[in-house]
Amino acid sequence: MRRADGYYAQFALDAERHLEVEPTGHAVGLDLGLTAFYTDSNGKEKENPRFLRRSESALKRPGRRVSRKVKGSKNIGKGGRYVRAVLK
């Protein structure tokens, strides 16, 4: 399979998994939120991963470089490919 940044191989497997899980008898409630990713009934919080903020900072410089290119030129096409690779 060919993508913007190279070639990839893709495999499909058919396998059966047998996983035996014994119940512990303990129940936990989860609350999903915006400030914390989740909070459980024991009071533990998992912080929000904030993928958008990290990707915005990674795209800042390549986006500025592409915005300075002349529309319709080969260089804007090359810059666009680089931005797509960063997004992936």
Protein backbone atom coordinates (compact mmCIF):
# COMPACT_ATOMS: atom_id res chain seq x y z
CA MET A 1 0.00 0.00 0.00
CA ARG A 2 1.43 3.39 -0.88
CA ARG A 3 0.90 6.46 1.29
CA ALA A 4 2.20 10.02 1.14
CA ASP A 5 5.29 9.19 3.21
CA GLY A 6 6.19 5.75 1.83
CA TYR A 7 5.07 2.17 1.33
CA TYR A 8 3.33 0.00 3.90
CA ALA A 9 2.45 -3.68 4.12
CA GLN A 10 -0.93 -4.64 5.49
CA PHE A 11 -1.73 -8.07 6.93
CA ALA A 12 -5.06 -9.61 7.88
CA LEU A 13 -5.07 -12.51 10.32
CA ASP A 14 -7.86 -14.73 11.53
CA ALA A 15 -7.09 -15.95 15.04
CA GLU A 16 -9.22 -17.06 17.94
CA ARG A 17 -8.44 -15.74 21.40
CA HIS A 18 -9.62 -17.44 24.54
CA LEU A 19 -9.21 -15.19 27.56
CA GLU A 20 -10.66 -16.33 30.85
CA VAL A 21 -11.42 -13.53 33.32
CA GLU A 22 -12.57 -14.24 36.82
CA PRO A 23 -14.84 -11.65 38.43
CA THR A 24 -13.31 -9.84 41.41
CA GLY A 25 -16.56 -8.76 43.00
CA HIS A 26 -15.52 -5.07 43.02
CA ALA A 27 -17.41 -2.47 41.03
CA VAL A 28 -15.96 0.85 39.86
CA GLY A 29 -17.93 3.79 38.45
CA LEU A 30 -16.37 6.00 35.76
CA ASP A 31 -17.21 9.61 34.95
CA LEU A 32 -15.93 10.97 31.63
CA GLY A 33 -15.35 14.70 31.52
CA LEU A 34 -13.66 17.62 29.78
CA THR A 35 -11.13 18.72 32.39
CA ALA A 36 -10.15 15.16 33.36
CA PHE A 37 -10.31 12.28 30.90
CA TYR A 38 -12.07 10.17 33.49
CA THR A 39 -12.62 10.06 37.23
CA ASP A 40 -13.42 6.79 38.95
CA SER A 41 -15.48 6.19 42.06
CA ASN A 42 -12.28 5.78 44.14
CA GLY A 43 -11.29 9.39 43.35
CA LYS A 44 -8.49 8.66 40.88
CA GLU A 45 -8.30 11.02 37.89
CA LYS A 46 -6.65 10.45 34.53
CA GLU A 47 -5.64 13.69 32.86
CA ASN A 48 -6.93 14.63 29.43
CA PRO A 49 -4.44 13.78 26.63
CA ARG A 50 -5.09 17.02 24.65
CA PHE A 51 -4.06 15.72 21.24
CA LEU A 52 -5.29 18.85 19.46
CA ARG A 53 -2.92 21.18 21.36
CA ARG A 54 0.10 19.00 20.59
CA SER A 55 -0.77 18.71 16.91
CA GLU A 56 -1.34 22.46 16.63
CA SER A 57 2.15 23.20 17.90
CA ALA A 58 3.67 20.61 15.53
CA LEU A 59 1.84 22.17 12.55
CA LYS A 60 2.71 25.77 13.34
CA ARG A 61 6.01 26.08 11.47
CA PRO A 62 5.16 23.91 8.40
CA GLY A 63 1.85 25.73 8.00
CA ARG A 64 3.57 29.11 8.01
CA ARG A 65 6.11 27.92 5.45
CA VAL A 66 3.38 26.67 3.09
CA SER A 67 1.38 29.87 3.47
CA ARG A 68 4.30 31.88 2.05
CA LYS A 69 4.52 29.80 -1.14
CA VAL A 70 3.05 30.97 -4.45
CA LYS A 71 -0.27 29.29 -5.19
CA GLY A 72 -0.08 26.87 -8.08
CA SER A 73 3.68 26.36 -7.81
CA LYS A 74 5.52 23.08 -7.34
CA ASN A 75 6.84 24.31 -4.00
CA ILE A 76 3.38 24.70 -2.50
CA GLY A 77 2.65 21.12 -3.56
CA LYS A 78 5.82 19.89 -1.86
CA GLY A 79 4.99 21.89 1.26
CA GLY A 80 1.47 20.49 1.30
CA ARG A 81 2.85 16.95 1.19
CA TYR A 82 5.06 17.77 4.17
CA VAL A 83 2.10 19.15 6.15
CA ARG A 84 0.08 16.02 5.35
CA ALA A 85 2.97 13.85 6.57
CA VAL A 86 3.05 15.82 9.84
CA LEU A 87 -0.72 15.41 10.24
CA LYS A 88 -0.45 11.66 9.77
